Amino acid sequence: MNKLSHVINLTFGLYGRKFDKEWSDYLIEAIENHDEAKVVEHAIMFKFNGVKIEVWTSNKFYSYGHAYLLNDKMVARDCQFRPSLKAMEKLHALELKLRKEADSKNRDDFIKSLNPNQ
């Protein structure tokens, strides 16, 4: 996402969630210092400071980056906030990295399954 798209989304109210600075700061901290992160169906699951949280990554960038599940429980709609552009960019970069790693592992597993005797 570039800054022009961000400004357009802000101007025309195209984001699906309200901005919250505390959420944005927490998300940046989780991205930079997580204990574990992996891509799940529509989110990235983080383990950070003893908390398991899934952050929504589908619907780029309409409802991107809000807390979806907290310790496996749905986060109430009024507690689902949009992070800052900086946080969304960091989340997107992490998502691409994690998906690339997962794709590479899937490919390696596929190749190994073609040659089970090796």
N, C-alpha and C. Protein backbone atom coordinates (compact mmCIF):
# COMPACT_ATOMS: atom_id res chain seq x y z
N MET A 1 0.86 -1.17 0.00
CA MET A 1 0.00 0.00 0.00
C MET A 1 0.90 1.23 0.00
N ASN A 2 0.56 2.17 -0.83
CA ASN A 2 1.34 3.40 -0.84
C ASN A 2 0.58 4.51 -0.12
N LYS A 3 1.27 5.63 0.08
CA LYS A 3 0.68 6.73 0.84
C LYS A 3 -0.52 7.34 0.14
N LEU A 4 -0.50 7.39 -1.19
CA LEU A 4 -1.64 7.95 -1.92
C LEU A 4 -2.90 7.10 -1.68
N SER A 5 -2.76 5.78 -1.77
CA SER A 5 -3.90 4.88 -1.49
C SER A 5 -4.41 5.08 -0.07
N HIS A 6 -3.49 5.24 0.85
CA HIS A 6 -3.85 5.45 2.25
C HIS A 6 -4.66 6.74 2.42
N VAL A 7 -4.19 7.81 1.79
CA VAL A 7 -4.89 9.10 1.87
C VAL A 7 -6.28 8.99 1.25
N ILE A 8 -6.38 8.31 0.12
CA ILE A 8 -7.69 8.13 -0.53
C ILE A 8 -8.63 7.33 0.38
N ASN A 9 -8.09 6.25 0.95
CA ASN A 9 -8.91 5.43 1.86
C ASN A 9 -9.39 6.25 3.06
N LEU A 10 -8.50 7.07 3.61
CA LEU A 10 -8.89 7.91 4.75
C LEU A 10 -9.93 8.95 4.33
N THR A 11 -9.69 9.59 3.21
CA THR A 11 -10.57 10.68 2.74
C THR A 11 -11.99 10.18 2.48
N PHE A 12 -12.10 9.03 1.85
CA PHE A 12 -13.42 8.53 1.46
C PHE A 12 -13.98 7.48 2.42
N GLY A 13 -13.33 7.31 3.56
CA GLY A 13 -13.85 6.39 4.57
C GLY A 13 -13.89 4.95 4.10
N LEU A 14 -12.86 4.52 3.39
CA LEU A 14 -12.86 3.18 2.81
C LEU A 14 -12.27 2.11 3.73
N TYR A 15 -11.75 2.51 4.87
CA TYR A 15 -11.26 1.52 5.82
C TYR A 15 -12.45 0.96 6.60
N GLY A 16 -12.40 -0.32 6.89
CA GLY A 16 -13.50 -0.98 7.59
C GLY A 16 -13.45 -0.85 9.09
N ARG A 17 -12.35 -0.31 9.62
CA ARG A 17 -12.19 -0.19 11.07
C ARG A 17 -11.68 1.20 11.42
N LYS A 18 -11.98 1.65 12.63
CA LYS A 18 -11.47 2.92 13.13
C LYS A 18 -10.02 2.74 13.57
N PHE A 19 -9.25 3.81 13.45
CA PHE A 19 -7.85 3.80 13.88
C PHE A 19 -7.75 3.85 15.39
N ASP A 20 -6.76 3.12 15.94
CA ASP A 20 -6.47 3.18 17.37
C ASP A 20 -4.96 3.12 17.55
N LYS A 21 -4.38 4.17 18.13
CA LYS A 21 -2.93 4.26 18.30
C LYS A 21 -2.38 3.16 19.20
N GLU A 22 -3.08 2.86 20.30
CA GLU A 22 -2.59 1.81 21.20
C GLU A 22 -2.51 0.46 20.48
N TRP A 23 -3.55 0.15 19.71
CA TRP A 23 -3.54 -1.10 18.94
C TRP A 23 -2.39 -1.08 17.93
N SER A 24 -2.21 0.03 17.26
CA SER A 24 -1.16 0.15 16.26
C SER A 24 0.22 -0.06 16.89
N ASP A 25 0.45 0.58 18.02
CA ASP A 25 1.74 0.43 18.72
C ASP A 25 1.95 -1.01 19.18
N TYR A 26 0.90 -1.63 19.70
CA TYR A 26 0.99 -3.03 20.14
C TYR A 26 1.32 -3.94 18.95
N LEU A 27 0.66 -3.72 17.83
CA LEU A 27 0.88 -4.56 16.65
C LEU A 27 2.31 -4.43 16.16
N ILE A 28 2.84 -3.22 16.10
CA ILE A 28 4.23 -3.04 15.69
C ILE A 28 5.16 -3.78 16.63
N GLU A 29 4.91 -3.68 17.92
CA GLU A 29 5.72 -4.40 18.92
C GLU A 29 5.64 -5.91 18.70
N ALA A 30 4.44 -6.42 18.44
CA ALA A 30 4.27 -7.86 18.20
C ALA A 30 4.98 -8.30 16.92
N ILE A 31 4.91 -7.49 15.88
CA ILE A 31 5.58 -7.82 14.62
C ILE A 31 7.09 -7.89 14.83
N GLU A 32 7.62 -6.94 15.57
CA GLU A 32 9.07 -6.84 15.73
C GLU A 32 9.62 -7.80 16.79
N ASN A 33 8.82 -8.21 17.77
CA ASN A 33 9.34 -8.96 18.91
C ASN A 33 8.56 -10.23 19.25
N HIS A 34 7.81 -10.78 18.29
CA HIS A 34 6.98 -11.96 18.58
C HIS A 34 7.84 -13.17 18.94
N ASP A 35 7.23 -14.07 19.70
CA ASP A 35 7.86 -15.35 20.03
C ASP A 35 7.64 -16.34 18.90
N GLU A 36 6.51 -16.20 18.22
CA GLU A 36 6.15 -17.09 17.11
C GLU A 36 5.19 -16.32 16.20
N ALA A 37 5.30 -16.59 14.91
CA ALA A 37 4.35 -16.01 13.95
C ALA A 37 4.18 -16.99 12.81
N LYS A 38 2.93 -17.20 12.39
CA LYS A 38 2.68 -18.06 11.24
C LYS A 38 1.40 -17.63 10.55
N VAL A 39 1.36 -17.92 9.27
CA VAL A 39 0.17 -17.61 8.48
C VAL A 39 -0.87 -18.69 8.72
N VAL A 40 -2.08 -18.25 9.03
CA VAL A 40 -3.23 -19.15 9.11
C VAL A 40 -4.20 -18.68 8.03
N GLU A 41 -5.35 -19.27 7.94
CA GLU A 41 -6.22 -19.07 6.77
C GLU A 41 -6.42 -17.61 6.36
N HIS A 42 -6.89 -16.77 7.24
CA HIS A 42 -7.16 -15.36 6.89
C HIS A 42 -6.40 -14.39 7.78
N ALA A 43 -5.36 -14.89 8.43
CA ALA A 43 -4.69 -14.07 9.44
C ALA A 43 -3.24 -14.49 9.62
N ILE A 44 -2.56 -13.71 10.43
CA ILE A 44 -1.25 -14.12 10.96
C ILE A 44 -1.46 -14.34 12.44
N MET A 45 -1.03 -15.49 12.92
CA MET A 45 -1.14 -15.81 14.33
C MET A 45 0.19 -15.46 14.98
N PHE A 46 0.12 -14.63 16.02
CA PHE A 46 1.29 -14.27 16.80
C PHE A 46 1.19 -14.87 18.19
N LYS A 47 2.32 -15.27 18.72
CA LYS A 47 2.45 -15.51 20.16
C LYS A 47 3.43 -14.45 20.63
N PHE A 48 2.95 -13.62 21.55
CA PHE A 48 3.72 -12.46 21.99
C PHE A 48 3.36 -12.14 23.43
N ASN A 49 4.37 -12.11 24.29
CA ASN A 49 4.17 -11.79 25.72
C ASN A 49 3.10 -12.67 26.37
N GLY A 50 3.10 -13.95 26.03
CA GLY A 50 2.15 -14.88 26.63
C GLY A 50 0.74 -14.81 26.07
N VAL A 51 0.55 -14.04 25.02
CA VAL A 51 -0.77 -13.88 24.41
C VAL A 51 -0.73 -14.47 23.00
N LYS A 52 -1.78 -15.18 22.65
CA LYS A 52 -1.95 -15.67 21.28
C LYS A 52 -2.99 -14.78 20.61
N ILE A 53 -2.59 -14.15 19.51
CA ILE A 53 -3.49 -13.24 18.83
C ILE A 53 -3.41 -13.47 17.33
N GLU A 54 -4.58 -13.50 16.69
CA GLU A 54 -4.64 -13.59 15.24
C GLU A 54 -5.03 -12.24 14.69
N VAL A 55 -4.24 -11.76 13.73
CA VAL A 55 -4.45 -10.45 13.12
C VAL A 55 -4.91 -10.67 11.68
N TRP A 56 -6.04 -10.09 11.34
CA TRP A 56 -6.69 -10.27 10.04
C TRP A 56 -5.81 -9.73 8.91
N THR A 57 -5.62 -10.56 7.87
CA THR A 57 -4.81 -10.13 6.72
C THR A 57 -5.56 -10.27 5.40
N SER A 58 -6.79 -10.70 5.43
CA SER A 58 -7.59 -10.73 4.21
C SER A 58 -8.20 -9.35 3.99
N ASN A 59 -8.86 -9.15 2.89
CA ASN A 59 -9.51 -7.88 2.55
C ASN A 59 -8.54 -6.70 2.55
N LYS A 60 -7.35 -6.91 1.98
CA LYS A 60 -6.39 -5.81 1.95
C LYS A 60 -7.00 -4.65 1.23
N PHE A 61 -6.89 -3.52 1.66
CA PHE A 61 -6.52 -3.06 2.99
C PHE A 61 -7.77 -2.55 3.69
N TYR A 62 -8.91 -3.00 3.26
CA TYR A 62 -10.20 -2.56 3.79
C TYR A 62 -10.31 -2.81 5.30
N SER A 63 -10.12 -4.03 5.72
CA SER A 63 -10.20 -4.33 7.15
C SER A 63 -8.92 -5.01 7.63
N TYR A 64 -7.84 -4.64 7.03
CA TYR A 64 -6.53 -5.25 7.26
C TYR A 64 -5.94 -4.85 8.61
N GLY A 65 -5.42 -5.83 9.32
CA GLY A 65 -4.62 -5.54 10.50
C GLY A 65 -5.37 -5.42 11.81
N HIS A 66 -6.64 -5.80 11.85
CA HIS A 66 -7.35 -5.73 13.13
C HIS A 66 -7.20 -7.06 13.88
N ALA A 67 -7.32 -6.98 15.20
CA ALA A 67 -7.29 -8.18 16.03
C ALA A 67 -8.55 -8.98 15.74
N TYR A 68 -8.38 -10.24 15.38
CA TYR A 68 -9.49 -11.10 14.99
C TYR A 68 -9.81 -12.09 16.12
N LEU A 69 -8.79 -12.80 16.57
CA LEU A 69 -8.94 -13.74 17.69
C LEU A 69 -7.90 -13.41 18.77
N LEU A 70 -8.32 -13.47 20.01
CA LEU A 70 -7.42 -13.28 21.14
C LEU A 70 -7.54 -14.51 22.02
N ASN A 71 -6.44 -15.26 22.13
CA ASN A 71 -6.44 -16.53 22.86
C ASN A 71 -7.61 -17.41 22.41
N ASP A 72 -7.77 -17.52 21.09
CA ASP A 72 -8.76 -18.36 20.42
C ASP A 72 -10.21 -17.91 20.61
N LYS A 73 -10.43 -16.70 21.09
CA LYS A 73 -11.79 -16.16 21.23
C LYS A 73 -11.94 -14.95 20.32
N MET A 74 -13.09 -14.88 19.66
CA MET A 74 -13.37 -13.78 18.74
C MET A 74 -13.30 -12.44 19.48
N VAL A 75 -12.62 -11.49 18.86
CA VAL A 75 -12.55 -10.13 19.41
C VAL A 75 -13.83 -9.40 19.02
N ALA A 76 -14.45 -8.74 19.97
CA ALA A 76 -15.70 -8.00 19.72
C ALA A 76 -15.48 -6.96 18.63
N ARG A 77 -16.47 -6.78 17.79
CA ARG A 77 -16.37 -5.84 16.66
C ARG A 77 -15.94 -4.44 17.11
N ASP A 78 -16.46 -3.97 18.24
CA ASP A 78 -16.11 -2.62 18.70
C ASP A 78 -14.69 -2.54 19.27
N CYS A 79 -14.00 -3.67 19.33
CA CYS A 79 -12.60 -3.70 19.76
C CYS A 79 -11.66 -4.07 18.61
N GLN A 80 -12.17 -4.11 17.42
CA GLN A 80 -11.36 -4.39 16.22
C GLN A 80 -10.97 -3.06 15.59
N PHE A 81 -9.69 -2.71 15.72
CA PHE A 81 -9.23 -1.40 15.25
C PHE A 81 -8.25 -1.54 14.09
N ARG A 82 -8.16 -0.46 13.32
CA ARG A 82 -7.20 -0.37 12.23
C ARG A 82 -5.89 0.16 12.78
N PRO A 83 -4.77 -0.43 12.34
CA PRO A 83 -3.47 0.11 12.73
C PRO A 83 -3.06 1.25 11.78
N SER A 84 -1.93 1.85 12.08
CA SER A 84 -1.38 2.91 11.24
C SER A 84 -0.85 2.35 9.92
N LEU A 85 -0.59 3.23 8.98
CA LEU A 85 0.00 2.82 7.71
C LEU A 85 1.33 2.12 7.95
N LYS A 86 2.14 2.65 8.85
CA LYS A 86 3.43 2.03 9.18
C LYS A 86 3.24 0.59 9.66
N ALA A 87 2.28 0.37 10.55
CA ALA A 87 2.01 -0.97 11.06
C ALA A 87 1.49 -1.88 9.95
N MET A 88 0.61 -1.35 9.09
CA MET A 88 0.11 -2.17 7.97
C MET A 88 1.23 -2.56 7.02
N GLU A 89 2.16 -1.64 6.77
CA GLU A 89 3.29 -1.97 5.90
C GLU A 89 4.18 -3.04 6.52
N LYS A 90 4.43 -2.94 7.82
CA LYS A 90 5.23 -3.95 8.52
C LYS A 90 4.51 -5.30 8.52
N LEU A 91 3.21 -5.28 8.76
CA LEU A 91 2.43 -6.51 8.75
C LEU A 91 2.45 -7.16 7.37
N HIS A 92 2.28 -6.34 6.35
CA HIS A 92 2.29 -6.85 4.97
C HIS A 92 3.65 -7.47 4.63
N ALA A 93 4.75 -6.82 5.02
CA ALA A 93 6.09 -7.35 4.77
C ALA A 93 6.28 -8.70 5.49
N LEU A 94 5.82 -8.78 6.74
CA LEU A 94 5.92 -10.03 7.48
C LEU A 94 5.07 -11.11 6.83
N GLU A 95 3.86 -10.75 6.41
CA GLU A 95 2.98 -11.71 5.75
C GLU A 95 3.64 -12.28 4.49
N LEU A 96 4.23 -11.42 3.67
CA LEU A 96 4.91 -11.90 2.46
C LEU A 96 6.05 -12.83 2.80
N LYS A 97 6.84 -12.47 3.82
CA LYS A 97 7.97 -13.31 4.24
C LYS A 97 7.48 -14.67 4.73
N LEU A 98 6.45 -14.67 5.58
CA LEU A 98 5.94 -15.94 6.11
C LEU A 98 5.32 -16.81 5.01
N ARG A 99 4.60 -16.19 4.08
CA ARG A 99 4.01 -16.96 2.97
C ARG A 99 5.10 -17.55 2.07
N LYS A 100 6.16 -16.79 1.83
CA LYS A 100 7.26 -17.29 1.01
C LYS A 100 7.92 -18.49 1.70
N GLU A 101 8.15 -18.38 3.00
CA GLU A 101 8.74 -19.50 3.75
C GLU A 101 7.83 -20.72 3.71
N ALA A 102 6.53 -20.51 3.89
CA ALA A 102 5.58 -21.63 3.87
C ALA A 102 5.52 -22.26 2.49
N ASP A 103 5.53 -21.43 1.44
CA ASP A 103 5.51 -21.96 0.07
C ASP A 103 6.77 -22.79 -0.22
N SER A 104 7.90 -22.31 0.25
CA SER A 104 9.16 -23.02 0.05
C SER A 104 9.14 -24.37 0.77
N LYS A 105 8.62 -24.38 2.01
CA LYS A 105 8.52 -25.64 2.75
C LYS A 105 7.56 -26.60 2.06
N ASN A 106 6.41 -26.08 1.60
CA ASN A 106 5.44 -26.93 0.89
C ASN A 106 6.05 -27.53 -0.36
N ARG A 107 6.83 -26.74 -1.10
CA ARG A 107 7.49 -27.23 -2.30
C ARG A 107 8.48 -28.32 -1.94
N ASP A 108 9.30 -28.08 -0.91
CA ASP A 108 10.29 -29.08 -0.50
C ASP A 108 9.62 -30.38 -0.07
N ASP A 109 8.53 -30.27 0.68
CA ASP A 109 7.79 -31.46 1.11
C ASP A 109 7.21 -32.21 -0.09
N PHE A 110 6.72 -31.47 -1.07
CA PHE A 110 6.18 -32.08 -2.28
C PHE A 110 7.27 -32.84 -3.04
N ILE A 111 8.42 -32.21 -3.22
CA ILE A 111 9.53 -32.86 -3.93
C ILE A 111 9.98 -34.12 -3.18
N LYS A 112 10.07 -34.05 -1.86
CA LYS A 112 10.45 -35.21 -1.07
C LYS A 112 9.44 -36.35 -1.23
N SER A 113 8.16 -36.00 -1.32
CA SER A 113 7.14 -37.03 -1.46
C SER A 113 7.19 -37.72 -2.82
N LEU A 114 7.78 -37.06 -3.81
CA LEU A 114 7.94 -37.68 -5.13
C LEU A 114 9.03 -38.75 -5.12
N ASN A 115 9.95 -38.62 -4.19
CA ASN A 115 11.07 -39.58 -4.08
C ASN A 115 11.14 -40.12 -2.66
N PRO A 116 10.19 -40.96 -2.27
CA PRO A 116 10.12 -41.41 -0.87
C PRO A 116 11.32 -42.26 -0.44
N ASN A 117 12.07 -42.83 -1.37
CA ASN A 117 13.19 -43.69 -1.02
C ASN A 117 14.49 -42.92 -0.81
N GLN A 118 14.45 -41.63 -0.96
CA GLN A 118 15.69 -40.84 -0.79
C GLN A 118 15.74 -40.20 0.56
